[in-house]
Amino acid sequence: MASAISDARTPLGASADNGLKIVVVGGFGVGKTTLVRSVSEIRPLNTEETMTQAGEAVDDISEVRGKTATTVAFDFGRISLDARNVLYLFGAPGQERFWFLWDRLFSGTLGAVVLVDTRRIDDSWYAIDRLEHHGTPFIVACNDFGGPRHRPEAVREALDLDPGVPLVFCDARSRESSKQVLIALVEHLRTRYAGHAAPPRQEFV
């Protein structure tokens, strides 16, 4: 399965006819743009804007002092799984003032990754709540920001995760690590839909 995600950085082939939409969600500054950028086979579309002092009155940047730009719409990347199947990645904005975009991004989504910074684990609750509300399958990926790694049991308890939701650890800066996150999600979806009819194909919005 590790080879299912192509390393090729080539144009989309004419034979590709099955697009699978994945959304990466999480709190402000957890690494969503970084993950999409590191794993995409094309130059990602980023809607980042420079953060200014004016935004400090709106966004809490106390825990992300080194952050100089922020996503204001969504990030977009692409991965070819094989000749016919393509994975489209959408990274959702993390600030609370852009949460109204999330429900729209979830439309037509096959599954999601909730990216977590364990130093600010409370920031992940809204993402999990919205995915559960929509009935969207997801996994949780704890991004490595240095420091001691929390025990999986402690993270699960803090997030009140269902036992069936996979929990992985990653470094969003690493292409290989980000690939493993997506592989974990694909495996989760495969297990979830095993023995059931395939989910209906939906148009992306």
C-alpha atoms as a PDB file:
ATOM      1  CA  MET A   1       0.000   0.000   0.000  1.00  0.00           C
ATOM      2  CA  ALA A   2       2.920   2.333   0.639  1.00  0.00           C
ATOM      3  CA  SER A   3       3.520   2.565  -3.097  1.00  0.00           C
ATOM      4  CA  ALA A   4      -0.072   3.476  -3.900  1.00  0.00           C
ATOM      5  CA  ILE A   5       0.667   7.189  -3.812  1.00  0.00           C
ATOM      6  CA  SER A   6       2.758   8.160  -6.805  1.00  0.00           C
ATOM      7  CA  ASP A   7       5.971  10.156  -6.471  1.00  0.00           C
ATOM      8  CA  ALA A   8       5.634  11.372 -10.062  1.00  0.00           C
ATOM      9  CA  ARG A   9       5.252  15.101 -10.578  1.00  0.00           C
ATOM     10  CA  THR A  10       3.696  14.905 -14.044  1.00  0.00           C
ATOM     11  CA  PRO A  11       0.542  16.344 -15.651  1.00  0.00           C
ATOM     12  CA  LEU A  12      -2.703  14.490 -15.005  1.00  0.00           C
ATOM     13  CA  GLY A  13      -3.093  11.621 -17.474  1.00  0.00           C
ATOM     14  CA  ALA A  14      -6.013  11.512 -19.892  1.00  0.00           C
ATOM     15  CA  SER A  15      -7.083   8.113 -18.510  1.00  0.00           C
ATOM     16  CA  ALA A  16      -7.794   9.483 -15.003  1.00  0.00           C
ATOM     17  CA  ASP A  17     -11.557   9.501 -14.548  1.00  0.00           C
ATOM     18  CA  ASN A  18     -12.167   8.989 -10.830  1.00  0.00           C
ATOM     19  CA  GLY A  19     -11.490  11.949  -8.549  1.00  0.00           C
ATOM     20  CA  LEU A  20     -11.460  11.376  -4.798  1.00  0.00           C
ATOM     21  CA  LYS A  21     -11.766  14.418  -2.549  1.00  0.00           C
ATOM     22  CA  ILE A  22      -9.970  14.584   0.814  1.00  0.00           C
ATOM     23  CA  VAL A  23     -10.115  17.531   3.222  1.00  0.00           C
ATOM     24  CA  VAL A  24      -7.409  18.418   5.760  1.00  0.00           C
ATOM     25  CA  VAL A  25      -8.862  20.311   8.724  1.00  0.00           C
ATOM     26  CA  GLY A  26      -7.694  21.467  12.119  1.00  0.00           C
ATOM     27  CA  GLY A  27      -7.003  24.505  14.235  1.00  0.00           C
ATOM     28  CA  PHE A  28      -5.112  27.661  13.369  1.00  0.00           C
ATOM     29  CA  GLY A  29      -1.433  27.038  12.608  1.00  0.00           C
ATOM     30  CA  VAL A  30      -1.416  23.227  12.953  1.00  0.00           C
ATOM     31  CA  GLY A  31       0.308  22.650   9.589  1.00  0.00           C
ATOM     32  CA  LYS A  32      -2.489  22.032   7.087  1.00  0.00           C
ATOM     33  CA  THR A  33      -0.913  24.133   4.330  1.00  0.00           C
ATOM     34  CA  THR A  34       2.452  22.527   5.039  1.00  0.00           C
ATOM     35  CA  LEU A  35       1.026  19.010   4.708  1.00  0.00           C
ATOM     36  CA  VAL A  36      -0.743  19.749   1.408  1.00  0.00           C
ATOM     37  CA  ARG A  37       2.369  21.467   0.058  1.00  0.00           C
ATOM     38  CA  SER A  38       4.709  18.648   1.073  1.00  0.00           C
ATOM     39  CA  VAL A  39       2.726  15.802  -0.454  1.00  0.00           C
ATOM     40  CA  SER A  40       1.153  17.312  -3.590  1.00  0.00           C
ATOM     41  CA  GLU A  41       2.571  16.167  -6.932  1.00  0.00           C
ATOM     42  CA  ILE A  42       1.716  19.549  -8.457  1.00  0.00           C
ATOM     43  CA  ARG A  43       2.520  23.033  -7.257  1.00  0.00           C
ATOM     44  CA  PRO A  44      -0.279  23.550  -4.730  1.00  0.00           C
ATOM     45  CA  LEU A  45      -2.800  26.344  -4.982  1.00  0.00           C
ATOM     46  CA  ASN A  46      -2.434  28.345  -1.777  1.00  0.00           C
ATOM     47  CA  THR A  47      -4.677  31.228  -0.752  1.00  0.00           C
ATOM     48  CA  GLU A  48      -2.288  32.551   1.863  1.00  0.00           C
ATOM     49  CA  GLU A  49      -2.129  36.177   2.911  1.00  0.00           C
ATOM     50  CA  THR A  50       0.447  37.931   5.060  1.00  0.00           C
ATOM     51  CA  MET A  51      -0.617  38.311   8.667  1.00  0.00           C
ATOM     52  CA  THR A  52      -0.683  41.881   9.954  1.00  0.00           C
ATOM     53  CA  GLN A  53      -1.053  43.578  13.318  1.00  0.00           C
ATOM     54  CA  ALA A  54      -4.683  44.288  12.461  1.00  0.00           C
ATOM     55  CA  GLY A  55      -5.389  40.572  12.518  1.00  0.00           C
ATOM     56  CA  GLU A  56      -4.105  40.183  16.058  1.00  0.00           C
ATOM     57  CA  ALA A  57      -7.371  41.617  17.345  1.00  0.00           C
ATOM     58  CA  VAL A  58      -9.260  38.838  15.506  1.00  0.00           C
ATOM     59  CA  ASP A  59      -6.999  35.767  15.531  1.00  0.00           C
ATOM     60  CA  ASP A  60      -5.300  34.387  18.635  1.00  0.00           C
ATOM     61  CA  ILE A  61      -1.651  34.104  17.601  1.00  0.00           C
ATOM     62  CA  SER A  62      -0.223  33.695  21.096  1.00  0.00           C
ATOM     63  CA  GLU A  63       0.701  30.056  20.403  1.00  0.00           C
ATOM     64  CA  VAL A  64       1.898  30.575  16.815  1.00  0.00           C
ATOM     65  CA  ARG A  65       4.197  33.573  17.108  1.00  0.00           C
ATOM     66  CA  GLY A  66       6.395  32.438  14.233  1.00  0.00           C
ATOM     67  CA  LYS A  67       3.516  32.292  11.753  1.00  0.00           C
ATOM     68  CA  THR A  68       3.672  35.064   9.126  1.00  0.00           C
ATOM     69  CA  ALA A  69       0.987  33.987   6.619  1.00  0.00           C
ATOM     70  CA  THR A  70      -2.411  32.357   6.879  1.00  0.00           C
ATOM     71  CA  THR A  71      -4.898  30.575   4.591  1.00  0.00           C
ATOM     72  CA  VAL A  72      -7.992  32.670   3.869  1.00  0.00           C
ATOM     73  CA  ALA A  73      -9.930  30.300   1.573  1.00  0.00           C
ATOM     74  CA  PHE A  74      -8.382  26.848   1.065  1.00  0.00           C
ATOM     75  CA  ASP A  75      -5.273  25.026  -0.125  1.00  0.00           C
ATOM     76  CA  PHE A  76      -5.460  22.615  -3.046  1.00  0.00           C
ATOM     77  CA  GLY A  77      -3.137  19.805  -4.104  1.00  0.00           C
ATOM     78  CA  ARG A  78      -3.278  16.596  -6.139  1.00  0.00           C
ATOM     79  CA  ILE A  79      -1.896  13.069  -5.963  1.00  0.00           C
ATOM     80  CA  SER A  80      -2.229  10.353  -8.631  1.00  0.00           C
ATOM     81  CA  LEU A  81      -3.020   7.019  -6.995  1.00  0.00           C
ATOM     82  CA  ASP A  82      -2.868   5.116 -10.284  1.00  0.00           C
ATOM     83  CA  ALA A  83      -3.729   5.652 -13.949  1.00  0.00           C
ATOM     84  CA  ARG A  84      -7.447   6.081 -13.256  1.00  0.00           C
ATOM     85  CA  ASN A  85      -7.715   7.386  -9.690  1.00  0.00           C
ATOM     86  CA  VAL A  86      -6.691  10.828  -8.480  1.00  0.00           C
ATOM     87  CA  LEU A  87      -6.739  12.218  -4.948  1.00  0.00           C
ATOM     88  CA  TYR A  88      -7.634  15.888  -4.596  1.00  0.00           C
ATOM     89  CA  LEU A  89      -6.531  17.527  -1.356  1.00  0.00           C
ATOM     90  CA  PHE A  90      -8.265  20.537   0.146  1.00  0.00           C
ATOM     91  CA  GLY A  91      -6.764  22.253   3.176  1.00  0.00           C
ATOM     92  CA  ALA A  92      -9.354  24.208   5.181  1.00  0.00           C
ATOM     93  CA  PRO A  93      -8.569  27.556   6.854  1.00  0.00           C
ATOM     94  CA  GLY A  94      -8.082  27.253  10.605  1.00  0.00           C
ATOM     95  CA  GLN A  95      -9.243  30.598  11.996  1.00  0.00           C
ATOM     96  CA  GLU A  96     -12.680  30.677  13.584  1.00  0.00           C
ATOM     97  CA  ARG A  97     -13.794  33.535  11.308  1.00  0.00           C
ATOM     98  CA  PHE A  98     -13.404  31.218   8.270  1.00  0.00           C
ATOM     99  CA  TRP A  99     -15.181  28.198   9.741  1.00  0.00           C
ATOM    100  CA  PHE A 100     -18.297  29.014   7.706  1.00  0.00           C
ATOM    101  CA  LEU A 101     -16.372  27.715   4.669  1.00  0.00           C
ATOM    102  CA  TRP A 102     -15.899  24.269   6.147  1.00  0.00           C
ATOM    103  CA  ASP A 103     -19.372  22.873   5.492  1.00  0.00           C
ATOM    104  CA  ARG A 104     -19.004  23.839   1.842  1.00  0.00           C
ATOM    105  CA  LEU A 105     -15.603  22.166   1.598  1.00  0.00           C
ATOM    106  CA  PHE A 106     -17.016  18.988   3.147  1.00  0.00           C
ATOM    107  CA  SER A 107     -19.481  18.588   0.256  1.00  0.00           C
ATOM    108  CA  GLY A 108     -18.482  15.557  -1.814  1.00  0.00           C
ATOM    109  CA  THR A 109     -15.661  14.615   0.551  1.00  0.00           C
ATOM    110  CA  LEU A 110     -14.737  10.940   0.787  1.00  0.00           C
ATOM    111  CA  GLY A 111     -12.790  11.371   4.036  1.00  0.00           C
ATOM    112  CA  ALA A 112     -10.789  13.825   6.109  1.00  0.00           C
ATOM    113  CA  VAL A 113      -7.612  14.262   8.105  1.00  0.00           C
ATOM    114  CA  VAL A 114      -7.844  16.191  11.362  1.00  0.00           C
ATOM    115  CA  LEU A 115      -4.389  17.649  11.942  1.00  0.00           C
ATOM    116  CA  VAL A 116      -3.632  18.254  15.621  1.00  0.00           C
ATOM    117  CA  ASP A 117      -1.054  20.246  17.551  1.00  0.00           C
ATOM    118  CA  THR A 118      -0.999  18.480  20.930  1.00  0.00           C
ATOM    119  CA  ARG A 119       0.124  21.714  22.602  1.00  0.00           C
ATOM    120  CA  ARG A 120      -3.245  23.206  21.637  1.00  0.00           C
ATOM    121  CA  ILE A 121      -5.459  20.157  21.525  1.00  0.00           C
ATOM    122  CA  ASP A 122      -8.649  22.086  22.321  1.00  0.00           C
ATOM    123  CA  ASP A 123      -8.399  23.719  18.883  1.00  0.00           C
ATOM    124  CA  SER A 124      -9.261  20.360  17.295  1.00  0.00           C
ATOM    125  CA  TRP A 125     -12.657  19.840  18.871  1.00  0.00           C
ATOM    126  CA  TYR A 126     -14.602  21.926  16.380  1.00  0.00           C
ATOM    127  CA  ALA A 127     -13.157  20.048  13.393  1.00  0.00           C
ATOM    128  CA  ILE A 128     -14.073  16.688  14.908  1.00  0.00           C
ATOM    129  CA  ASP A 129     -17.539  17.921  15.813  1.00  0.00           C
ATOM    130  CA  ARG A 130     -18.264  19.153  12.285  1.00  0.00           C
ATOM    131  CA  LEU A 131     -17.005  15.939  10.650  1.00  0.00           C
ATOM    132  CA  GLU A 132     -19.107  13.819  12.987  1.00  0.00           C
ATOM    133  CA  HIS A 133     -22.093  16.076  12.240  1.00  0.00           C
ATOM    134  CA  HIS A 134     -21.640  15.469   8.504  1.00  0.00           C
ATOM    135  CA  GLY A 135     -20.966  11.750   8.975  1.00  0.00           C
ATOM    136  CA  THR A 136     -17.606  12.128   7.220  1.00  0.00           C
ATOM    137  CA  PRO A 137     -15.028   9.395   7.982  1.00  0.00           C
ATOM    138  CA  PHE A 138     -11.772  10.810   9.326  1.00  0.00           C
ATOM    139  CA  ILE A 139      -8.480  10.031  10.998  1.00  0.00           C
ATOM    140  CA  VAL A 140      -6.514  12.150  13.457  1.00  0.00           C
ATOM    141  CA  ALA A 141      -2.859  13.006  12.763  1.00  0.00           C
ATOM    142  CA  CYS A 142      -0.731  14.619  15.484  1.00  0.00           C
ATOM    143  CA  ASN A 143       1.806  16.951  13.867  1.00  0.00           C
ATOM    144  CA  ASP A 144       5.278  16.984  15.408  1.00  0.00           C
ATOM    145  CA  PHE A 145       6.227  20.411  16.744  1.00  0.00           C
ATOM    146  CA  GLY A 146       9.044  19.085  18.918  1.00  0.00           C
ATOM    147  CA  GLY A 147       9.021  18.219  22.586  1.00  0.00           C
ATOM    148  CA  PRO A 148       7.840  14.991  24.195  1.00  0.00           C
ATOM    149  CA  ARG A 149       5.355  12.862  22.300  1.00  0.00           C
ATOM    150  CA  HIS A 150       2.083  12.271  24.106  1.00  0.00           C
ATOM    151  CA  ARG A 151       0.858   8.738  24.609  1.00  0.00           C
ATOM    152  CA  PRO A 152      -1.849   7.781  22.065  1.00  0.00           C
ATOM    153  CA  GLU A 153      -4.196   6.883  24.922  1.00  0.00           C
ATOM    154  CA  ALA A 154      -3.833  10.366  26.392  1.00  0.00           C
ATOM    155  CA  VAL A 155      -4.539  12.041  23.042  1.00  0.00           C
ATOM    156  CA  ARG A 156      -7.582   9.845  22.487  1.00  0.00           C
ATOM    157  CA  GLU A 157      -8.930  10.692  25.910  1.00  0.00           C
ATOM    158  CA  ALA A 158      -8.336  14.420  25.445  1.00  0.00           C
ATOM    159  CA  LEU A 159     -10.163  14.384  22.092  1.00  0.00           C
ATOM    160  CA  ASP A 160     -12.828  11.899  23.246  1.00  0.00           C
ATOM    161  CA  LEU A 161     -12.124   9.884  20.091  1.00  0.00           C
ATOM    162  CA  ASP A 162     -14.253   6.952  19.073  1.00  0.00           C
ATOM    163  CA  PRO A 163     -12.177   3.734  19.268  1.00  0.00           C
ATOM    164  CA  GLY A 164     -12.717   3.204  15.546  1.00  0.00           C
ATOM    165  CA  VAL A 165     -11.002   6.470  14.557  1.00  0.00           C
ATOM    166  CA  PRO A 166      -7.323   5.876  13.642  1.00  0.00           C
ATOM    167  CA  LEU A 167      -4.710   8.040  15.380  1.00  0.00           C
ATOM    168  CA  VAL A 168      -1.281   8.569  13.803  1.00  0.00           C
ATOM    169  CA  PHE A 169       1.736  10.804  14.402  1.00  0.00           C
ATOM    170  CA  CYS A 170       3.445  12.733  11.624  1.00  0.00           C
ATOM    171  CA  ASP A 171       5.741  15.530  10.547  1.00  0.00           C
ATOM    172  CA  ALA A 172       3.782  17.612   8.021  1.00  0.00           C
ATOM    173  CA  ARG A 173       7.045  19.003   6.609  1.00  0.00           C
ATOM    174  CA  SER A 174       8.047  15.530   5.408  1.00  0.00           C
ATOM    175  CA  ARG A 175       6.645  14.245   2.128  1.00  0.00           C
ATOM    176  CA  GLU A 176       7.063  10.636   3.227  1.00  0.00           C
ATOM    177  CA  SER A 177       5.421  11.250   6.603  1.00  0.00           C
ATOM    178  CA  SER A 178       2.504  13.100   4.977  1.00  0.00           C
ATOM    179  CA  LYS A 179       2.081  10.243   2.500  1.00  0.00           C
ATOM    180  CA  GLN A 180       1.772   7.821   5.393  1.00  0.00           C
ATOM    181  CA  VAL A 181      -1.031   9.966   6.850  1.00  0.00           C
ATOM    182  CA  LEU A 182      -2.972   9.752   3.599  1.00  0.00           C
ATOM    183  CA  ILE A 183      -2.292   6.029   3.317  1.00  0.00           C
ATOM    184  CA  ALA A 184      -3.710   5.600   6.840  1.00  0.00           C
ATOM    185  CA  LEU A 185      -6.851   7.474   5.764  1.00  0.00           C
ATOM    186  CA  VAL A 186      -7.241   5.399   2.577  1.00  0.00           C
ATOM    187  CA  GLU A 187      -6.845   2.184   4.602  1.00  0.00           C
ATOM    188  CA  HIS A 188      -9.462   3.447   7.085  1.00  0.00           C
ATOM    189  CA  LEU A 189     -11.882   4.180   4.241  1.00  0.00           C
ATOM    190  CA  ARG A 190     -11.210   0.778   2.679  1.00  0.00           C
ATOM    191  CA  THR A 191     -11.992  -0.945   5.981  1.00  0.00           C
ATOM    192  CA  ARG A 192     -15.068   1.191   6.550  1.00  0.00           C
ATOM    193  CA  TYR A 193     -16.568   0.427   3.159  1.00  0.00           C
ATOM    194  CA  ALA A 194     -15.464  -3.223   2.983  1.00  0.00           C
ATOM    195  CA  GLY A 195     -18.470  -5.399   2.285  1.00  0.00           C
ATOM    196  CA  HIS A 196     -20.634  -2.372   1.549  1.00  0.00           C
ATOM    197  CA  ALA A 197     -21.544  -0.656  -1.654  1.00  0.00           C
ATOM    198  CA  ALA A 198     -19.064   1.996  -2.719  1.00  0.00           C
ATOM    199  CA  PRO A 199     -20.027   5.512  -1.656  1.00  0.00           C
ATOM    200  CA  PRO A 200     -21.853   7.430  -4.378  1.00  0.00           C
ATOM    201  CA  ARG A 201     -19.686   9.509  -6.686  1.00  0.00           C
ATOM    202  CA  GLN A 202     -20.282  13.195  -5.976  1.00  0.00           C
ATOM    203  CA  GLU A 203     -19.394  16.403  -7.732  1.00  0.00           C
ATOM    204  CA  PHE A 204     -16.891  18.653  -5.990  1.00  0.00           C
ATOM    205  CA  VAL A 205     -18.172  22.036  -4.854  1.00  0.00           C
END
